[in-house]
Every structure is written in structure tokens, then in C-alpha cells.
mmCIF file of all heavy atoms, coordinates in Angstrom:
data_MODEL
# 
_entry.id   MODEL 
# 
loop_
_atom_site.group_PDB 
_atom_site.id 
_atom_site.type_symbol 
_atom_site.label_atom_id 
_atom_site.label_alt_id 
_atom_site.label_comp_id 
_atom_site.label_asym_id 
_atom_site.label_entity_id 
_atom_site.label_seq_id 
_atom_site.pdbx_PDB_ins_code 
_atom_site.Cartn_x 
_atom_site.Cartn_y 
_atom_site.Cartn_z 
_atom_site.occupancy 
_atom_site.B_iso_or_equiv 
_atom_site.pdbx_formal_charge 
_atom_site.auth_seq_id 
_atom_site.auth_comp_id 
_atom_site.auth_asym_id 
_atom_site.auth_atom_id 
_atom_site.pdbx_PDB_model_num 
ATOM 1   N N   . ALA A 1 1  ? -32.518 -17.179 11.153 1.00 0.00 ? 1  ALA A N   1 
ATOM 2   C CA  . ALA A 1 1  ? -31.492 -17.875 10.364 1.00 0.00 ? 1  ALA A CA  1 
ATOM 3   C C   . ALA A 1 1  ? -30.312 -16.952 10.066 1.00 0.00 ? 1  ALA A C   1 
ATOM 4   O O   . ALA A 1 1  ? -30.486 -15.826 9.618  1.00 0.00 ? 1  ALA A O   1 
ATOM 5   C CB  . ALA A 1 1  ? -32.094 -18.388 9.054  1.00 0.00 ? 1  ALA A CB  1 
ATOM 6   N N   . GLY A 1 2  ? -29.107 -17.437 10.356 1.00 0.00 ? 2  GLY A N   1 
ATOM 7   C CA  . GLY A 1 2  ? -27.900 -16.688 10.076 1.00 0.00 ? 2  GLY A CA  1 
ATOM 8   C C   . GLY A 1 2  ? -27.553 -15.611 11.091 1.00 0.00 ? 2  GLY A C   1 
ATOM 9   O O   . GLY A 1 2  ? -26.525 -14.958 10.970 1.00 0.00 ? 2  GLY A O   1 
ATOM 10  N N   . GLN A 1 3  ? -28.393 -15.426 12.121 1.00 0.00 ? 3  GLN A N   1 
ATOM 11  C CA  . GLN A 1 3  ? -28.158 -14.370 13.095 1.00 0.00 ? 3  GLN A CA  1 
ATOM 12  C C   . GLN A 1 3  ? -27.562 -14.880 14.406 1.00 0.00 ? 3  GLN A C   1 
ATOM 13  O O   . GLN A 1 3  ? -27.256 -14.098 15.300 1.00 0.00 ? 3  GLN A O   1 
ATOM 14  C CB  . GLN A 1 3  ? -29.475 -13.635 13.402 1.00 0.00 ? 3  GLN A CB  1 
ATOM 15  C CG  . GLN A 1 3  ? -30.077 -12.942 12.195 1.00 0.00 ? 3  GLN A CG  1 
ATOM 16  C CD  . GLN A 1 3  ? -31.352 -12.192 12.548 1.00 0.00 ? 3  GLN A CD  1 
ATOM 17  O OE1 . GLN A 1 3  ? -31.330 -11.245 13.323 1.00 0.00 ? 3  GLN A OE1 1 
ATOM 18  N NE2 . GLN A 1 3  ? -32.460 -12.630 11.992 1.00 0.00 ? 3  GLN A NE2 1 
ATOM 19  N N   . GLY A 1 4  ? -27.380 -16.191 14.532 1.00 0.00 ? 4  GLY A N   1 
ATOM 20  C CA  . GLY A 1 4  ? -26.871 -16.758 15.767 1.00 0.00 ? 4  GLY A CA  1 
ATOM 21  C C   . GLY A 1 4  ? -25.398 -16.448 15.994 1.00 0.00 ? 4  GLY A C   1 
ATOM 22  O O   . GLY A 1 4  ? -24.625 -16.280 15.041 1.00 0.00 ? 4  GLY A O   1 
ATOM 23  N N   . VAL A 1 5  ? -25.007 -16.352 17.265 1.00 0.00 ? 5  VAL A N   1 
ATOM 24  C CA  . VAL A 1 5  ? -23.599 -16.181 17.614 1.00 0.00 ? 5  VAL A CA  1 
ATOM 25  C C   . VAL A 1 5  ? -23.060 -17.398 18.365 1.00 0.00 ? 5  VAL A C   1 
ATOM 26  O O   . VAL A 1 5  ? -21.840 -17.532 18.554 1.00 0.00 ? 5  VAL A O   1 
ATOM 27  C CB  . VAL A 1 5  ? -23.375 -14.914 18.481 1.00 0.00 ? 5  VAL A CB  1 
ATOM 28  C CG1 . VAL A 1 5  ? -23.819 -13.666 17.727 1.00 0.00 ? 5  VAL A CG1 1 
ATOM 29  C CG2 . VAL A 1 5  ? -24.106 -15.004 19.821 1.00 0.00 ? 5  VAL A CG2 1 
ATOM 30  N N   . PHE A 1 6  ? -23.955 -18.298 18.764 1.00 0.00 ? 6  PHE A N   1 
ATOM 31  C CA  . PHE A 1 6  ? -23.584 -19.434 19.623 1.00 0.00 ? 6  PHE A CA  1 
ATOM 32  C C   . PHE A 1 6  ? -24.741 -20.425 19.558 1.00 0.00 ? 6  PHE A C   1 
ATOM 33  O O   . PHE A 1 6  ? -25.898 -20.012 19.442 1.00 0.00 ? 6  PHE A O   1 
ATOM 34  C CB  . PHE A 1 6  ? -23.397 -18.926 21.055 1.00 0.00 ? 6  PHE A CB  1 
ATOM 35  C CG  . PHE A 1 6  ? -22.932 -19.951 22.068 1.00 0.00 ? 6  PHE A CG  1 
ATOM 36  C CD1 . PHE A 1 6  ? -21.577 -20.110 22.328 1.00 0.00 ? 6  PHE A CD1 1 
ATOM 37  C CD2 . PHE A 1 6  ? -23.839 -20.719 22.779 1.00 0.00 ? 6  PHE A CD2 1 
ATOM 38  C CE1 . PHE A 1 6  ? -21.140 -21.031 23.279 1.00 0.00 ? 6  PHE A CE1 1 
ATOM 39  C CE2 . PHE A 1 6  ? -23.416 -21.641 23.725 1.00 0.00 ? 6  PHE A CE2 1 
ATOM 40  C CZ  . PHE A 1 6  ? -22.061 -21.789 23.979 1.00 0.00 ? 6  PHE A CZ  1 
ATOM 41  N N   . THR A 1 7  ? -24.421 -21.718 19.602 1.00 0.00 ? 7  THR A N   1 
ATOM 42  C CA  . THR A 1 7  ? -25.473 -22.735 19.555 1.00 0.00 ? 7  THR A CA  1 
ATOM 43  C C   . THR A 1 7  ? -25.388 -23.661 20.756 1.00 0.00 ? 7  THR A C   1 
ATOM 44  O O   . THR A 1 7  ? -24.292 -23.977 21.230 1.00 0.00 ? 7  THR A O   1 
ATOM 45  C CB  . THR A 1 7  ? -25.380 -23.559 18.250 1.00 0.00 ? 7  THR A CB  1 
ATOM 46  O OG1 . THR A 1 7  ? -25.682 -22.716 17.137 1.00 0.00 ? 7  THR A OG1 1 
ATOM 47  C CG2 . THR A 1 7  ? -26.365 -24.729 18.241 1.00 0.00 ? 7  THR A CG2 1 
ATOM 48  N N   . ILE A 1 8  ? -26.556 -24.093 21.226 1.00 0.00 ? 8  ILE A N   1 
ATOM 49  C CA  . ILE A 1 8  ? -26.655 -25.110 22.278 1.00 0.00 ? 8  ILE A CA  1 
ATOM 50  C C   . ILE A 1 8  ? -27.312 -26.339 21.683 1.00 0.00 ? 8  ILE A C   1 
ATOM 51  O O   . ILE A 1 8  ? -28.370 -26.248 21.054 1.00 0.00 ? 8  ILE A O   1 
ATOM 52  C CB  . ILE A 1 8  ? -27.475 -24.595 23.474 1.00 0.00 ? 8  ILE A CB  1 
ATOM 53  C CG1 . ILE A 1 8  ? -26.809 -23.371 24.102 1.00 0.00 ? 8  ILE A CG1 1 
ATOM 54  C CG2 . ILE A 1 8  ? -27.658 -25.695 24.519 1.00 0.00 ? 8  ILE A CG2 1 
ATOM 55  C CD1 . ILE A 1 8  ? -27.654 -22.673 25.144 1.00 0.00 ? 8  ILE A CD1 1 
ATOM 56  N N   . THR A 1 9  ? -26.680 -27.489 21.872 1.00 0.00 ? 9  THR A N   1 
ATOM 57  C CA  . THR A 1 9  ? -27.254 -28.748 21.414 1.00 0.00 ? 9  THR A CA  1 
ATOM 58  C C   . THR A 1 9  ? -27.307 -29.714 22.586 1.00 0.00 ? 9  THR A C   1 
ATOM 59  O O   . THR A 1 9  ? -26.325 -29.872 23.312 1.00 0.00 ? 9  THR A O   1 
ATOM 60  C CB  . THR A 1 9  ? -26.455 -29.339 20.222 1.00 0.00 ? 9  THR A CB  1 
ATOM 61  O OG1 . THR A 1 9  ? -27.008 -30.615 19.861 1.00 0.00 ? 9  THR A OG1 1 
ATOM 62  C CG2 . THR A 1 9  ? -24.974 -29.505 20.543 1.00 0.00 ? 9  THR A CG2 1 
ATOM 63  N N   . ASN A 1 10 ? -28.457 -30.343 22.795 1.00 0.00 ? 10 ASN A N   1 
ATOM 64  C CA  . ASN A 1 10 ? -28.695 -31.144 23.994 1.00 0.00 ? 10 ASN A CA  1 
ATOM 65  C C   . ASN A 1 10 ? -29.193 -32.533 23.602 1.00 0.00 ? 10 ASN A C   1 
ATOM 66  O O   . ASN A 1 10 ? -30.234 -32.657 22.941 1.00 0.00 ? 10 ASN A O   1 
ATOM 67  C CB  . ASN A 1 10 ? -29.726 -30.428 24.873 1.00 0.00 ? 10 ASN A CB  1 
ATOM 68  C CG  . ASN A 1 10 ? -29.838 -31.024 26.261 1.00 0.00 ? 10 ASN A CG  1 
ATOM 69  O OD1 . ASN A 1 10 ? -29.615 -32.210 26.466 1.00 0.00 ? 10 ASN A OD1 1 
ATOM 70  N ND2 . ASN A 1 10 ? -30.199 -30.204 27.227 1.00 0.00 ? 10 ASN A ND2 1 
ATOM 71  N N   . LEU A 1 11 ? -28.453 -33.562 24.002 1.00 0.00 ? 11 LEU A N   1 
ATOM 72  C CA  . LEU A 1 11 ? -28.875 -34.949 23.785 1.00 0.00 ? 11 LEU A CA  1 
ATOM 73  C C   . LEU A 1 11 ? -29.182 -35.642 25.109 1.00 0.00 ? 11 LEU A C   1 
ATOM 74  O O   . LEU A 1 11 ? -29.301 -36.859 25.170 1.00 0.00 ? 11 LEU A O   1 
ATOM 75  C CB  . LEU A 1 11 ? -27.791 -35.728 23.025 1.00 0.00 ? 11 LEU A CB  1 
ATOM 76  C CG  . LEU A 1 11 ? -27.552 -35.312 21.575 1.00 0.00 ? 11 LEU A CG  1 
ATOM 77  C CD1 . LEU A 1 11 ? -26.429 -36.141 20.958 1.00 0.00 ? 11 LEU A CD1 1 
ATOM 78  C CD2 . LEU A 1 11 ? -28.830 -35.457 20.743 1.00 0.00 ? 11 LEU A CD2 1 
ATOM 79  N N   . GLY A 1 12 ? -29.314 -34.838 26.169 1.00 0.00 ? 12 GLY A N   1 
ATOM 80  C CA  . GLY A 1 12 ? -29.581 -35.406 27.485 1.00 0.00 ? 12 GLY A CA  1 
ATOM 81  C C   . GLY A 1 12 ? -30.864 -36.186 27.556 1.00 0.00 ? 12 GLY A C   1 
ATOM 82  O O   . GLY A 1 12 ? -30.954 -37.186 28.277 1.00 0.00 ? 12 GLY A O   1 
ATOM 83  N N   . MET A 1 13 ? -31.882 -35.762 26.793 1.00 0.00 ? 13 MET A N   1 
ATOM 84  C CA  . MET A 1 13 ? -33.170 -36.458 26.826 1.00 0.00 ? 13 MET A CA  1 
ATOM 85  C C   . MET A 1 13 ? -33.092 -37.875 26.276 1.00 0.00 ? 13 MET A C   1 
ATOM 86  O O   . MET A 1 13 ? -33.972 -38.687 26.499 1.00 0.00 ? 13 MET A O   1 
ATOM 87  C CB  . MET A 1 13 ? -34.235 -35.655 26.066 1.00 0.00 ? 13 MET A CB  1 
ATOM 88  C CG  . MET A 1 13 ? -34.005 -35.522 24.577 1.00 0.00 ? 13 MET A CG  1 
ATOM 89  S SD  . MET A 1 13 ? -32.640 -34.399 24.135 1.00 0.00 ? 13 MET A SD  1 
ATOM 90  C CE  . MET A 1 13 ? -33.309 -32.838 24.672 1.00 0.00 ? 13 MET A CE  1 
ATOM 91  N N   . PHE A 1 14 ? -31.988 -38.181 25.557 1.00 0.00 ? 14 PHE A N   1 
ATOM 92  C CA  . PHE A 1 14 ? -31.766 -39.526 25.033 1.00 0.00 ? 14 PHE A CA  1 
ATOM 93  C C   . PHE A 1 14 ? -30.852 -40.353 25.934 1.00 0.00 ? 14 PHE A C   1 
ATOM 94  O O   . PHE A 1 14 ? -30.466 -41.464 25.571 1.00 0.00 ? 14 PHE A O   1 
ATOM 95  C CB  . PHE A 1 14 ? -31.175 -39.453 23.621 1.00 0.00 ? 14 PHE A CB  1 
ATOM 96  C CG  . PHE A 1 14 ? -32.056 -38.741 22.635 1.00 0.00 ? 14 PHE A CG  1 
ATOM 97  C CD1 . PHE A 1 14 ? -31.719 -37.484 22.161 1.00 0.00 ? 14 PHE A CD1 1 
ATOM 98  C CD2 . PHE A 1 14 ? -33.233 -39.329 22.186 1.00 0.00 ? 14 PHE A CD2 1 
ATOM 99  C CE1 . PHE A 1 14 ? -32.527 -36.819 21.265 1.00 0.00 ? 14 PHE A CE1 1 
ATOM 100 C CE2 . PHE A 1 14 ? -34.056 -38.671 21.283 1.00 0.00 ? 14 PHE A CE2 1 
ATOM 101 C CZ  . PHE A 1 14 ? -33.704 -37.411 20.826 1.00 0.00 ? 14 PHE A CZ  1 
ATOM 102 N N   . GLY A 1 15 ? -30.482 -39.790 27.076 1.00 0.00 ? 15 GLY A N   1 
ATOM 103 C CA  . GLY A 1 15 ? -29.623 -40.503 28.009 1.00 0.00 ? 15 GLY A CA  1 
ATOM 104 C C   . GLY A 1 15 ? -28.141 -40.436 27.676 1.00 0.00 ? 15 GLY A C   1 
ATOM 105 O O   . GLY A 1 15 ? -27.331 -41.098 28.320 1.00 0.00 ? 15 GLY A O   1 
ATOM 106 N N   . VAL A 1 16 ? -27.777 -39.622 26.681 1.00 0.00 ? 16 VAL A N   1 
ATOM 107 C CA  . VAL A 1 16 ? -26.370 -39.482 26.292 1.00 0.00 ? 16 VAL A CA  1 
ATOM 108 C C   . VAL A 1 16 ? -25.619 -38.746 27.396 1.00 0.00 ? 16 VAL A C   1 
ATOM 109 O O   . VAL A 1 16 ? -26.031 -37.669 27.828 1.00 0.00 ? 16 VAL A O   1 
ATOM 110 C CB  . VAL A 1 16 ? -26.252 -38.717 24.959 1.00 0.00 ? 16 VAL A CB  1 
ATOM 111 C CG1 . VAL A 1 16 ? -24.796 -38.394 24.640 1.00 0.00 ? 16 VAL A CG1 1 
ATOM 112 C CG2 . VAL A 1 16 ? -26.881 -39.524 23.838 1.00 0.00 ? 16 VAL A CG2 1 
ATOM 113 N N   . GLU A 1 17 ? -24.503 -39.307 27.842 1.00 0.00 ? 17 GLU A N   1 
ATOM 114 C CA  . GLU A 1 17 ? -23.753 -38.711 28.950 1.00 0.00 ? 17 GLU A CA  1 
ATOM 115 C C   . GLU A 1 17 ? -22.904 -37.527 28.503 1.00 0.00 ? 17 GLU A C   1 
ATOM 116 O O   . GLU A 1 17 ? -22.829 -36.511 29.193 1.00 0.00 ? 17 GLU A O   1 
ATOM 117 C CB  . GLU A 1 17 ? -22.881 -39.770 29.634 1.00 0.00 ? 17 GLU A CB  1 
ATOM 118 C CG  . GLU A 1 17 ? -23.688 -40.850 30.337 1.00 0.00 ? 17 GLU A CG  1 
ATOM 119 C CD  . GLU A 1 17 ? -22.831 -41.804 31.126 1.00 0.00 ? 17 GLU A CD  1 
ATOM 120 O OE1 . GLU A 1 17 ? -21.595 -41.638 31.127 1.00 0.00 ? 17 GLU A OE1 1 
ATOM 121 O OE2 . GLU A 1 17 ? -23.391 -42.723 31.746 1.00 0.00 ? 17 GLU A OE2 1 
ATOM 122 N N   . GLU A 1 18 ? -22.256 -37.658 27.353 1.00 0.00 ? 18 GLU A N   1 
ATOM 123 C CA  . GLU A 1 18 ? -21.448 -36.555 26.827 1.00 0.00 ? 18 GLU A CA  1 
ATOM 124 C C   . GLU A 1 18 ? -21.179 -36.766 25.350 1.00 0.00 ? 18 GLU A C   1 
ATOM 125 O O   . GLU A 1 18 ? -21.197 -37.895 24.859 1.00 0.00 ? 18 GLU A O   1 
ATOM 126 C CB  . GLU A 1 18 ? -20.131 -36.425 27.592 1.00 0.00 ? 18 GLU A CB  1 
ATOM 127 C CG  . GLU A 1 18 ? -19.234 -37.648 27.499 1.00 0.00 ? 18 GLU A CG  1 
ATOM 128 C CD  . GLU A 1 18 ? -17.940 -37.455 28.271 1.00 0.00 ? 18 GLU A CD  1 
ATOM 129 O OE1 . GLU A 1 18 ? -17.975 -37.412 29.502 1.00 0.00 ? 18 GLU A OE1 1 
ATOM 130 O OE2 . GLU A 1 18 ? -16.892 -37.357 27.606 1.00 0.00 ? 18 GLU A OE2 1 
ATOM 131 N N   . PHE A 1 19 ? -20.934 -35.679 24.639 1.00 0.00 ? 19 PHE A N   1 
ATOM 132 C CA  . PHE A 1 19 ? -20.591 -35.760 23.216 1.00 0.00 ? 19 PHE A CA  1 
ATOM 133 C C   . PHE A 1 19 ? -19.934 -34.452 22.804 1.00 0.00 ? 19 PHE A C   1 
ATOM 134 O O   . PHE A 1 19 ? -19.973 -33.461 23.533 1.00 0.00 ? 19 PHE A O   1 
ATOM 135 C CB  . PHE A 1 19 ? -21.830 -36.049 22.350 1.00 0.00 ? 19 PHE A CB  1 
ATOM 136 C CG  . PHE A 1 19 ? -22.871 -34.961 22.325 1.00 0.00 ? 19 PHE A CG  1 
ATOM 137 C CD1 . PHE A 1 19 ? -23.059 -34.173 21.194 1.00 0.00 ? 19 PHE A CD1 1 
ATOM 138 C CD2 . PHE A 1 19 ? -23.694 -34.733 23.423 1.00 0.00 ? 19 PHE A CD2 1 
ATOM 139 C CE1 . PHE A 1 19 ? -24.023 -33.173 21.165 1.00 0.00 ? 19 PHE A CE1 1 
ATOM 140 C CE2 . PHE A 1 19 ? -24.673 -33.740 23.403 1.00 0.00 ? 19 PHE A CE2 1 
ATOM 141 C CZ  . PHE A 1 19 ? -24.838 -32.969 22.278 1.00 0.00 ? 19 PHE A CZ  1 
ATOM 142 N N   . SER A 1 20 ? -19.302 -34.461 21.638 1.00 0.00 ? 20 SER A N   1 
ATOM 143 C CA  . SER A 1 20 ? -18.650 -33.268 21.101 1.00 0.00 ? 20 SER A CA  1 
ATOM 144 C C   . SER A 1 20 ? -19.375 -32.860 19.826 1.00 0.00 ? 20 SER A C   1 
ATOM 145 O O   . SER A 1 20 ? -19.591 -33.696 18.944 1.00 0.00 ? 20 SER A O   1 
ATOM 146 C CB  . SER A 1 20 ? -17.173 -33.549 20.802 1.00 0.00 ? 20 SER A CB  1 
ATOM 147 O OG  . SER A 1 20 ? -16.494 -33.922 21.992 1.00 0.00 ? 20 SER A OG  1 
ATOM 148 N N   . ALA A 1 21 ? -19.748 -31.601 19.715 1.00 0.00 ? 21 ALA A N   1 
ATOM 149 C CA  . ALA A 1 21 ? -20.520 -31.119 18.574 1.00 0.00 ? 21 ALA A CA  1 
ATOM 150 C C   . ALA A 1 21 ? -19.638 -30.360 17.590 1.00 0.00 ? 21 ALA A C   1 
ATOM 151 O O   . ALA A 1 21 ? -18.591 -29.825 17.956 1.00 0.00 ? 21 ALA A O   1 
ATOM 152 C CB  . ALA A 1 21 ? -21.650 -30.215 19.070 1.00 0.00 ? 21 ALA A CB  1 
ATOM 153 N N   . ILE A 1 22 ? -20.096 -30.304 16.348 1.00 0.00 ? 22 ILE A N   1 
ATOM 154 C CA  . ILE A 1 22 ? -19.407 -29.546 15.297 1.00 0.00 ? 22 ILE A CA  1 
ATOM 155 C C   . ILE A 1 22 ? -19.942 -28.119 15.305 1.00 0.00 ? 22 ILE A C   1 
ATOM 156 O O   . ILE A 1 22 ? -21.152 -27.894 15.375 1.00 0.00 ? 22 ILE A O   1 
ATOM 157 C CB  . ILE A 1 22 ? -19.625 -30.198 13.918 1.00 0.00 ? 22 ILE A CB  1 
ATOM 158 C CG1 . ILE A 1 22 ? -19.054 -31.622 13.912 1.00 0.00 ? 22 ILE A CG1 1 
ATOM 159 C CG2 . ILE A 1 22 ? -18.977 -29.367 12.817 1.00 0.00 ? 22 ILE A CG2 1 
ATOM 160 C CD1 . ILE A 1 22 ? -19.352 -32.396 12.639 1.00 0.00 ? 22 ILE A CD1 1 
ATOM 161 N N   . ILE A 1 23 ? -19.040 -27.155 15.235 1.00 0.00 ? 23 ILE A N   1 
ATOM 162 C CA  . ILE A 1 23 ? -19.409 -25.738 15.242 1.00 0.00 ? 23 ILE A CA  1 
ATOM 163 C C   . ILE A 1 23 ? -20.281 -25.405 14.033 1.00 0.00 ? 23 ILE A C   1 
ATOM 164 O O   . ILE A 1 23 ? -20.066 -25.918 12.930 1.00 0.00 ? 23 ILE A O   1 
ATOM 165 C CB  . ILE A 1 23 ? -18.138 -24.866 15.250 1.00 0.00 ? 23 ILE A CB  1 
ATOM 166 C CG1 . ILE A 1 23 ? -17.345 -25.098 16.544 1.00 0.00 ? 23 ILE A CG1 1 
ATOM 167 C CG2 . ILE A 1 23 ? -18.479 -23.387 15.091 1.00 0.00 ? 23 ILE A CG2 1 
ATOM 168 C CD1 . ILE A 1 23 ? -15.937 -24.537 16.512 1.00 0.00 ? 23 ILE A CD1 1 
ATOM 169 N N   . ASN A 1 24 ? -21.260 -24.541 14.261 1.00 0.00 ? 24 ASN A N   1 
ATOM 170 C CA  . ASN A 1 24 ? -22.189 -24.116 13.220 1.00 0.00 ? 24 ASN A CA  1 
ATOM 171 C C   . ASN A 1 24 ? -21.724 -22.770 12.651 1.00 0.00 ? 24 ASN A C   1 
ATOM 172 O O   . ASN A 1 24 ? -22.010 -21.727 13.220 1.00 0.00 ? 24 ASN A O   1 
ATOM 173 C CB  . ASN A 1 24 ? -23.597 -23.991 13.837 1.00 0.00 ? 24 ASN A CB  1 
ATOM 174 C CG  . ASN A 1 24 ? -24.655 -23.617 12.827 1.00 0.00 ? 24 ASN A CG  1 
ATOM 175 O OD1 . ASN A 1 24 ? -24.562 -23.952 11.650 1.00 0.00 ? 24 ASN A OD1 1 
ATOM 176 N ND2 . ASN A 1 24 ? -25.678 -22.907 13.285 1.00 0.00 ? 24 ASN A ND2 1 
ATOM 177 N N   . PRO A 1 25 ? -20.948 -22.771 11.536 1.00 0.00 ? 25 PRO A N   1 
ATOM 178 C CA  . PRO A 1 25 ? -20.410 -21.515 10.999 1.00 0.00 ? 25 PRO A CA  1 
ATOM 179 C C   . PRO A 1 25 ? -21.529 -20.532 10.635 1.00 0.00 ? 25 PRO A C   1 
ATOM 180 O O   . PRO A 1 25 ? -22.624 -20.955 10.261 1.00 0.00 ? 25 PRO A O   1 
ATOM 181 C CB  . PRO A 1 25 ? -19.661 -21.963 9.741  1.00 0.00 ? 25 PRO A CB  1 
ATOM 182 C CG  . PRO A 1 25 ? -19.422 -23.416 9.935  1.00 0.00 ? 25 PRO A CG  1 
ATOM 183 C CD  . PRO A 1 25 ? -20.599 -23.909 10.706 1.00 0.00 ? 25 PRO A CD  1 
# 
């Protein structure tokens, strides 16, 4: 927790083609 420099978020398993994510400060 709090040590990340970059996040990956994946909704492909739900069939979502594309989306825009909010940055995790």
C-alpha cells in the first residue's frame, strides 16, 4: 500500500472494449 508507481486496471474479462481510468494518486 502506497508504494505503487503505476497501476494496471483490466475490464477485458467483462467484455469491455475500452475505457478510461482515473489515476491513483
